[in-house]
Amino acid sequence: MTILLKNGNDKLKYQRANGQLSNPVWYSHLKYNGKDAYKTAEKMVERVRKDPVYGSAANVLLFFANGNRNFPIKKVVL
């Protein structure tokens, strides 16, 4: 899951080796890997909303299937 941040939250982005800033990426907990992708996505949305840092800074969450980063399987606007 990629967390697209609201404007002004560059401090929460991570810096790549080439100096560019990138949005944070979260992965699902192992206990949810056997579940349906959409059920896993819902649990991850709950995690972001409860997070003290990213809960208020996140704007959009994009979910991707493993190995396919071109087309998100789900988009959640917070």
PDB file of N, CA and C in Angstrom:
ATOM      1  N   MET A   1       0.848  -1.158   0.000  1.00  0.00           N
ATOM      2  CA  MET A   1       0.000   0.000   0.000  1.00  0.00           C
ATOM      3  C   MET A   1       0.901   1.230   0.000  1.00  0.00           C
ATOM      4  N   THR A   2       0.594   2.142  -0.877  1.00  0.00           N
ATOM      5  CA  THR A   2       1.295   3.417  -0.921  1.00  0.00           C
ATOM      6  C   THR A   2       0.418   4.469  -0.259  1.00  0.00           C
ATOM      7  N   ILE A   3       1.031   5.249   0.625  1.00  0.00           N
ATOM      8  CA  ILE A   3       0.310   6.318   1.316  1.00  0.00           C
ATOM      9  C   ILE A   3       0.655   7.633   0.626  1.00  0.00           C
ATOM     10  N   LEU A   4      -0.331   8.208  -0.063  1.00  0.00           N
ATOM     11  CA  LEU A   4      -0.128   9.514  -0.682  1.00  0.00           C
ATOM     12  C   LEU A   4      -0.469  10.573   0.360  1.00  0.00           C
ATOM     13  N   LEU A   5       0.484  11.434   0.637  1.00  0.00           N
ATOM     14  CA  LEU A   5       0.358  12.394   1.728  1.00  0.00           C
ATOM     15  C   LEU A   5      -0.234  13.723   1.266  1.00  0.00           C
ATOM     16  N   LYS A   6      -0.853  14.418   2.211  1.00  0.00           N
ATOM     17  CA  LYS A   6      -1.359  15.770   1.961  1.00  0.00           C
ATOM     18  C   LYS A   6      -0.170  16.709   1.765  1.00  0.00           C
ATOM     19  N   ASN A   7      -0.425  17.835   1.115  1.00  0.00           N
ATOM     20  CA  ASN A   7       0.623  18.838   0.912  1.00  0.00           C
ATOM     21  C   ASN A   7       1.198  19.286   2.253  1.00  0.00           C
ATOM     22  N   GLY A   8       2.500  19.532   2.271  1.00  0.00           N
ATOM     23  CA  GLY A   8       3.158  20.019   3.474  1.00  0.00           C
ATOM     24  C   GLY A   8       3.654  18.924   4.400  1.00  0.00           C
ATOM     25  N   ASN A   9       3.581  17.667   3.989  1.00  0.00           N
ATOM     26  CA  ASN A   9       4.034  16.558   4.829  1.00  0.00           C
ATOM     27  C   ASN A   9       5.263  15.869   4.254  1.00  0.00           C
ATOM     28  N   ASP A  10       6.136  16.647   3.618  1.00  0.00           N
ATOM     29  CA  ASP A  10       7.354  16.063   3.045  1.00  0.00           C
ATOM     30  C   ASP A  10       8.259  15.450   4.098  1.00  0.00           C
ATOM     31  N   LYS A  11       8.141  15.889   5.332  1.00  0.00           N
ATOM     32  CA  LYS A  11       8.991  15.350   6.401  1.00  0.00           C
ATOM     33  C   LYS A  11       8.691  13.870   6.664  1.00  0.00           C
ATOM     34  N   LEU A  12       7.516  13.399   6.240  1.00  0.00           N
ATOM     35  CA  LEU A  12       7.132  11.999   6.437  1.00  0.00           C
ATOM     36  C   LEU A  12       7.545  11.106   5.267  1.00  0.00           C
ATOM     37  N   LYS A  13       8.001  11.711   4.186  1.00  0.00           N
ATOM     38  CA  LYS A  13       8.466  10.934   3.041  1.00  0.00           C
ATOM     39  C   LYS A  13       9.873  10.425   3.315  1.00  0.00           C
ATOM     40  N   TYR A  14      10.248   9.357   2.624  1.00  0.00           N
ATOM     41  CA  TYR A  14      11.609   8.858   2.798  1.00  0.00           C
ATOM     42  C   TYR A  14      12.453   9.271   1.602  1.00  0.00           C
ATOM     43  N   GLN A  15      13.745   9.408   1.849  1.00  0.00           N
ATOM     44  CA  GLN A  15      14.654   9.877   0.820  1.00  0.00           C
ATOM     45  C   GLN A  15      15.333   8.692   0.151  1.00  0.00           C
ATOM     46  N   ARG A  16      15.267   8.644  -1.165  1.00  0.00           N
ATOM     47  CA  ARG A  16      15.917   7.588  -1.937  1.00  0.00           C
ATOM     48  C   ARG A  16      17.410   7.861  -2.028  1.00  0.00           C
ATOM     49  N   ALA A  17      18.125   6.900  -2.578  1.00  0.00           N
ATOM     50  CA  ALA A  17      19.575   7.039  -2.742  1.00  0.00           C
ATOM     51  C   ALA A  17      19.937   8.195  -3.675  1.00  0.00           C
ATOM     52  N   ASN A  18      19.051   8.501  -4.636  1.00  0.00           N
ATOM     53  CA  ASN A  18      19.338   9.598  -5.570  1.00  0.00           C
ATOM     54  C   ASN A  18      18.871  10.959  -5.044  1.00  0.00           C
ATOM     55  N   GLY A  19      18.345  11.002  -3.826  1.00  0.00           N
ATOM     56  CA  GLY A  19      17.939  12.251  -3.203  1.00  0.00           C
ATOM     57  C   GLY A  19      16.473  12.611  -3.364  1.00  0.00           C
ATOM     58  N   GLN A  20      15.739  11.892  -4.207  1.00  0.00           N
ATOM     59  CA  GLN A  20      14.316  12.177  -4.391  1.00  0.00           C
ATOM     60  C   GLN A  20      13.523  11.710  -3.176  1.00  0.00           C
ATOM     61  N   LEU A  21      12.425  12.410  -2.909  1.00  0.00           N
ATOM     62  CA  LEU A  21      11.528  12.015  -1.820  1.00  0.00           C
ATOM     63  C   LEU A  21      10.429  11.115  -2.365  1.00  0.00           C
ATOM     64  N   SER A  22      10.091  10.086  -1.620  1.00  0.00           N
ATOM     65  CA  SER A  22       9.050   9.143  -2.031  1.00  0.00           C
ATOM     66  C   SER A  22       8.029   8.967  -0.921  1.00  0.00           C
ATOM     67  N   ASN A  23       6.800   8.678  -1.328  1.00  0.00           N
ATOM     68  CA  ASN A  23       5.741   8.421  -0.366  1.00  0.00           C
ATOM     69  C   ASN A  23       6.010   7.118   0.380  1.00  0.00           C
ATOM     70  N   PRO A  24       5.569   7.029   1.625  1.00  0.00           N
ATOM     71  CA  PRO A  24       5.784   5.803   2.391  1.00  0.00           C
ATOM     72  C   PRO A  24       4.982   4.634   1.823  1.00  0.00           C
ATOM     73  N   VAL A  25       5.522   3.442   2.016  1.00  0.00           N
ATOM     74  CA  VAL A  25       4.878   2.205   1.581  1.00  0.00           C
ATOM     75  C   VAL A  25       4.741   1.304   2.795  1.00  0.00           C
ATOM     76  N   TRP A  26       3.555   0.764   2.998  1.00  0.00           N
ATOM     77  CA  TRP A  26       3.309  -0.190   4.083  1.00  0.00           C
ATOM     78  C   TRP A  26       2.938  -1.525   3.478  1.00  0.00           C
ATOM     79  N   TYR A  27       3.300  -2.576   4.172  1.00  0.00           N
ATOM     80  CA  TYR A  27       2.978  -3.934   3.748  1.00  0.00           C
ATOM     81  C   TYR A  27       2.016  -4.544   4.756  1.00  0.00           C
ATOM     82  N   SER A  28       1.253  -5.549   4.323  1.00  0.00           N
ATOM     83  CA  SER A  28       0.267  -6.165   5.205  1.00  0.00           C
ATOM     84  C   SER A  28       0.953  -7.030   6.258  1.00  0.00           C
ATOM     85  N   HIS A  29       0.295  -7.159   7.408  1.00  0.00           N
ATOM     86  CA  HIS A  29       0.780  -8.066   8.445  1.00  0.00           C
ATOM     87  C   HIS A  29       0.673  -9.492   7.924  1.00  0.00           C
ATOM     88  N   LEU A  30       1.595 -10.340   8.322  1.00  0.00           N
ATOM     89  CA  LEU A  30       1.610 -11.720   7.850  1.00  0.00           C
ATOM     90  C   LEU A  30       0.325 -12.468   8.167  1.00  0.00           C
ATOM     91  N   LYS A  31      -0.313 -12.126   9.283  1.00  0.00           N
ATOM     92  CA  LYS A  31      -1.532 -12.852   9.657  1.00  0.00           C
ATOM     93  C   LYS A  31      -2.676 -12.619   8.677  1.00  0.00           C
ATOM     94  N   TYR A  32      -2.592 -11.570   7.830  1.00  0.00           N
ATOM     95  CA  TYR A  32      -3.644 -11.287   6.857  1.00  0.00           C
ATOM     96  C   TYR A  32      -3.313 -11.798   5.458  1.00  0.00           C
ATOM     97  N   ASN A  33      -2.129 -12.383   5.251  1.00  0.00           N
ATOM     98  CA  ASN A  33      -1.725 -12.801   3.915  1.00  0.00           C
ATOM     99  C   ASN A  33      -2.622 -13.875   3.319  1.00  0.00           C
ATOM    100  N   GLY A  34      -3.229 -14.723   4.134  1.00  0.00           N
ATOM    101  CA  GLY A  34      -4.103 -15.765   3.623  1.00  0.00           C
ATOM    102  C   GLY A  34      -5.511 -15.289   3.322  1.00  0.00           C
ATOM    103  N   LYS A  35      -5.820 -14.065   3.670  1.00  0.00           N
ATOM    104  CA  LYS A  35      -7.168 -13.509   3.490  1.00  0.00           C
ATOM    105  C   LYS A  35      -7.335 -12.931   2.085  1.00  0.00           C
ATOM    106  N   ASP A  36      -8.562 -12.613   1.756  1.00  0.00           N
ATOM    107  CA  ASP A  36      -8.889 -11.940   0.510  1.00  0.00           C
ATOM    108  C   ASP A  36      -8.175 -10.586   0.457  1.00  0.00           C
ATOM    109  N   ALA A  37      -7.741 -10.174  -0.734  1.00  0.00           N
ATOM    110  CA  ALA A  37      -6.992  -8.918  -0.882  1.00  0.00           C
ATOM    111  C   ALA A  37      -7.802  -7.719  -0.402  1.00  0.00           C
ATOM    112  N   TYR A  38      -9.095  -7.731  -0.626  1.00  0.00           N
ATOM    113  CA  TYR A  38      -9.922  -6.591  -0.224  1.00  0.00           C
ATOM    114  C   TYR A  38     -10.124  -6.550   1.285  1.00  0.00           C
ATOM    115  N   LYS A  39     -10.190  -7.705   1.919  1.00  0.00           N
ATOM    116  CA  LYS A  39     -10.290  -7.773   3.384  1.00  0.00           C
ATOM    117  C   LYS A  39      -8.988  -7.256   4.008  1.00  0.00           C
ATOM    118  N   THR A  40      -7.870  -7.653   3.419  1.00  0.00           N
ATOM    119  CA  THR A  40      -6.567  -7.176   3.889  1.00  0.00           C
ATOM    120  C   THR A  40      -6.477  -5.660   3.738  1.00  0.00           C
ATOM    121  N   ALA A  41      -6.967  -5.139   2.618  1.00  0.00           N
ATOM    122  CA  ALA A  41      -6.936  -3.691   2.374  1.00  0.00           C
ATOM    123  C   ALA A  41      -7.748  -2.950   3.428  1.00  0.00           C
ATOM    124  N   GLU A  42      -8.909  -3.481   3.790  1.00  0.00           N
ATOM    125  CA  GLU A  42      -9.739  -2.832   4.811  1.00  0.00           C
ATOM    126  C   GLU A  42      -9.024  -2.773   6.156  1.00  0.00           C
ATOM    127  N   LYS A  43      -8.321  -3.835   6.515  1.00  0.00           N
ATOM    128  CA  LYS A  43      -7.568  -3.853   7.778  1.00  0.00           C
ATOM    129  C   LYS A  43      -6.431  -2.830   7.733  1.00  0.00           C
ATOM    130  N   MET A  44      -5.810  -2.684   6.582  1.00  0.00           N
ATOM    131  CA  MET A  44      -4.725  -1.712   6.457  1.00  0.00           C
ATOM    132  C   MET A  44      -5.249  -0.282   6.527  1.00  0.00           C
ATOM    133  N   VAL A  45      -6.436  -0.039   5.993  1.00  0.00           N
ATOM    134  CA  VAL A  45      -7.051   1.292   6.099  1.00  0.00           C
ATOM    135  C   VAL A  45      -7.282   1.623   7.570  1.00  0.00           C
ATOM    136  N   GLU A  46      -7.759   0.638   8.327  1.00  0.00           N
ATOM    137  CA  GLU A  46      -7.957   0.842   9.770  1.00  0.00           C
ATOM    138  C   GLU A  46      -6.639   1.190  10.458  1.00  0.00           C
ATOM    139  N   ARG A  47      -5.565   0.490  10.088  1.00  0.00           N
ATOM    140  CA  ARG A  47      -4.251   0.759  10.686  1.00  0.00           C
ATOM    141  C   ARG A  47      -3.806   2.190  10.428  1.00  0.00           C
ATOM    142  N   VAL A  48      -3.987   2.665   9.191  1.00  0.00           N
ATOM    143  CA  VAL A  48      -3.562   4.030   8.857  1.00  0.00           C
ATOM    144  C   VAL A  48      -4.403   5.052   9.618  1.00  0.00           C
ATOM    145  N   ARG A  49      -5.698   4.844   9.666  1.00  0.00           N
ATOM    146  CA  ARG A  49      -6.571   5.800  10.360  1.00  0.00           C
ATOM    147  C   ARG A  49      -6.256   5.897  11.848  1.00  0.00           C
ATOM    148  N   LYS A  50      -5.806   4.806  12.449  1.00  0.00           N
ATOM    149  CA  LYS A  50      -5.480   4.797  13.878  1.00  0.00           C
ATOM    150  C   LYS A  50      -4.063   5.286  14.163  1.00  0.00           C
ATOM    151  N   ASP A  51      -3.222   5.348  13.142  1.00  0.00           N
ATOM    152  CA  ASP A  51      -1.834   5.753  13.352  1.00  0.00           C
ATOM    153  C   ASP A  51      -1.764   7.225  13.745  1.00  0.00           C
ATOM    154  N   PRO A  52      -1.015   7.555  14.815  1.00  0.00           N
ATOM    155  CA  PRO A  52      -0.965   8.950  15.274  1.00  0.00           C
ATOM    156  C   PRO A  52      -0.275   9.904  14.292  1.00  0.00           C
ATOM    157  N   VAL A  53       0.625   9.401  13.480  1.00  0.00           N
ATOM    158  CA  VAL A  53       1.356  10.255  12.547  1.00  0.00           C
ATOM    159  C   VAL A  53       0.668  10.298  11.181  1.00  0.00           C
ATOM    160  N   TYR A  54       0.457   9.137  10.593  1.00  0.00           N
ATOM    161  CA  TYR A  54      -0.076   9.078   9.238  1.00  0.00           C
ATOM    162  C   TYR A  54      -1.598   9.235   9.177  1.00  0.00           C
ATOM    163  N   GLY A  55      -2.277   9.054  10.277  1.00  0.00           N
ATOM    164  CA  GLY A  55      -3.727   9.171  10.287  1.00  0.00           C
ATOM    165  C   GLY A  55      -4.221  10.525   9.814  1.00  0.00           C
ATOM    166  N   SER A  56      -3.551  11.578  10.219  1.00  0.00           N
ATOM    167  CA  SER A  56      -3.977  12.924   9.814  1.00  0.00           C
ATOM    168  C   SER A  56      -3.232  13.429   8.582  1.00  0.00           C
ATOM    169  N   ALA A  57      -2.125  12.790   8.223  1.00  0.00           N
ATOM    170  CA  ALA A  57      -1.314  13.254   7.100  1.00  0.00           C
ATOM    171  C   ALA A  57      -1.671  12.566   5.783  1.00  0.00           C
ATOM    172  N   ALA A  58      -2.310  11.402   5.851  1.00  0.00           N
ATOM    173  CA  ALA A  58      -2.626  10.652   4.638  1.00  0.00           C
ATOM    174  C   ALA A  58      -3.797  11.285   3.897  1.00  0.00           C
ATOM    175  N   ASN A  59      -3.701  11.275   2.585  1.00  0.00           N
ATOM    176  CA  ASN A  59      -4.747  11.815   1.730  1.00  0.00           C
ATOM    177  C   ASN A  59      -5.428  10.698   0.938  1.00  0.00           C
ATOM    178  N   VAL A  60      -4.615   9.817   0.332  1.00  0.00           N
ATOM    179  CA  VAL A  60      -5.118   8.719  -0.489  1.00  0.00           C
ATOM    180  C   VAL A  60      -4.276   7.481  -0.204  1.00  0.00           C
ATOM    181  N   LEU A  61      -4.915   6.314  -0.185  1.00  0.00           N
ATOM    182  CA  LEU A  61      -4.220   5.040  -0.055  1.00  0.00           C
ATOM    183  C   LEU A  61      -4.413   4.265  -1.352  1.00  0.00           C
ATOM    184  N   LEU A  62      -3.308   3.786  -1.917  1.00  0.00           N
ATOM    185  CA  LEU A  62      -3.367   2.977  -3.131  1.00  0.00           C
ATOM    186  C   LEU A  62      -2.876   1.578  -2.817  1.00  0.00           C
ATOM    187  N   PHE A  63      -3.657   0.580  -3.187  1.00  0.00           N
ATOM    188  CA  PHE A  63      -3.307  -0.823  -2.944  1.00  0.00           C
ATOM    189  C   PHE A  63      -2.977  -1.489  -4.262  1.00  0.00           C
ATOM    190  N   PHE A  64      -1.889  -2.257  -4.254  1.00  0.00           N
ATOM    191  CA  PHE A  64      -1.433  -2.950  -5.449  1.00  0.00           C
ATOM    192  C   PHE A  64      -1.294  -4.434  -5.176  1.00  0.00           C
ATOM    193  N   ALA A  65      -1.499  -5.248  -6.208  1.00  0.00           N
ATOM    194  CA  ALA A  65      -1.227  -6.678  -6.097  1.00  0.00           C
ATOM    195  C   ALA A  65       0.286  -6.873  -6.206  1.00  0.00           C
ATOM    196  N   ASN A  66       0.800  -7.897  -5.571  1.00  0.00           N
ATOM    197  CA  ASN A  66       2.235  -8.169  -5.635  1.00  0.00           C
ATOM    198  C   ASN A  66       2.689  -8.326  -7.086  1.00  0.00           C
ATOM    199  N   GLY A  67       3.770  -7.655  -7.423  1.00  0.00           N
ATOM    200  CA  GLY A  67       4.338  -7.762  -8.759  1.00  0.00           C
ATOM    201  C   GLY A  67       3.681  -6.879  -9.803  1.00  0.00           C
ATOM    202  N   ASN A  68       2.642  -6.148  -9.465  1.00  0.00           N
ATOM    203  CA  ASN A  68       1.966  -5.288 -10.430  1.00  0.00           C
ATOM    204  C   ASN A  68       1.785  -3.901  -9.827  1.00  0.00           C
ATOM    205  N   ARG A  69       2.752  -3.034 -10.073  1.00  0.00           N
ATOM    206  CA  ARG A  69       2.699  -1.688  -9.493  1.00  0.00           C
ATOM    207  C   ARG A  69       2.138  -0.663 -10.470  1.00  0.00           C
ATOM    208  N   ASN A  70       1.595  -1.107 -11.592  1.00  0.00           N
ATOM    209  CA  ASN A  70       1.076  -0.173 -12.585  1.00  0.00           C
ATOM    210  C   ASN A  70      -0.388   0.176 -12.363  1.00  0.00           C
ATOM    211  N   PHE A  71      -1.173  -0.778 -11.866  1.00  0.00           N
ATOM    212  CA  PHE A  71      -2.599  -0.572 -11.711  1.00  0.00           C
ATOM    213  C   PHE A  71      -3.028  -0.933 -10.291  1.00  0.00           C
ATOM    214  N   PRO A  72      -3.489   0.051  -9.537  1.00  0.00           N
ATOM    215  CA  PRO A  72      -3.948  -0.270  -8.171  1.00  0.00           C
ATOM    216  C   PRO A  72      -5.222  -1.114  -8.204  1.00  0.00           C
ATOM    217  N   ILE A  73      -5.329  -2.033  -7.232  1.00  0.00           N
ATOM    218  CA  ILE A  73      -6.540  -2.843  -7.140  1.00  0.00           C
ATOM    219  C   ILE A  73      -7.617  -2.141  -6.311  1.00  0.00           C
ATOM    220  N   LYS A  74      -7.172  -1.158  -5.528  1.00  0.00           N
ATOM    221  CA  LYS A  74      -8.122  -0.412  -4.697  1.00  0.00           C
ATOM    222  C   LYS A  74      -7.539   0.964  -4.393  1.00  0.00           C
ATOM    223  N   LYS A  75      -8.431   1.965  -4.356  1.00  0.00           N
ATOM    224  CA  LYS A  75      -8.045   3.337  -4.022  1.00  0.00           C
ATOM    225  C   LYS A  75      -8.997   3.832  -2.951  1.00  0.00           C
ATOM    226  N   VAL A  76      -8.439   4.343  -1.847  1.00  0.00           N
ATOM    227  CA  VAL A  76      -9.252   4.858  -0.745  1.00  0.00           C
ATOM    228  C   VAL A  76      -8.883   6.318  -0.515  1.00  0.00           C
ATOM    229  N   VAL A  77      -9.858   7.199  -0.616  1.00  0.00           N
ATOM    230  CA  VAL A  77      -9.641   8.621  -0.335  1.00  0.00           C
ATOM    231  C   VAL A  77     -10.044   8.853   1.108  1.00  0.00           C
ATOM    232  N   LEU A  78      -9.125   9.386   1.893  1.00  0.00           N
ATOM    233  CA  LEU A  78      -9.391   9.621   3.313  1.00  0.00           C
ATOM    234  C   LEU A  78      -9.891  11.033   3.549  1.00  0.00           C
TER     235      LEU A  78
END
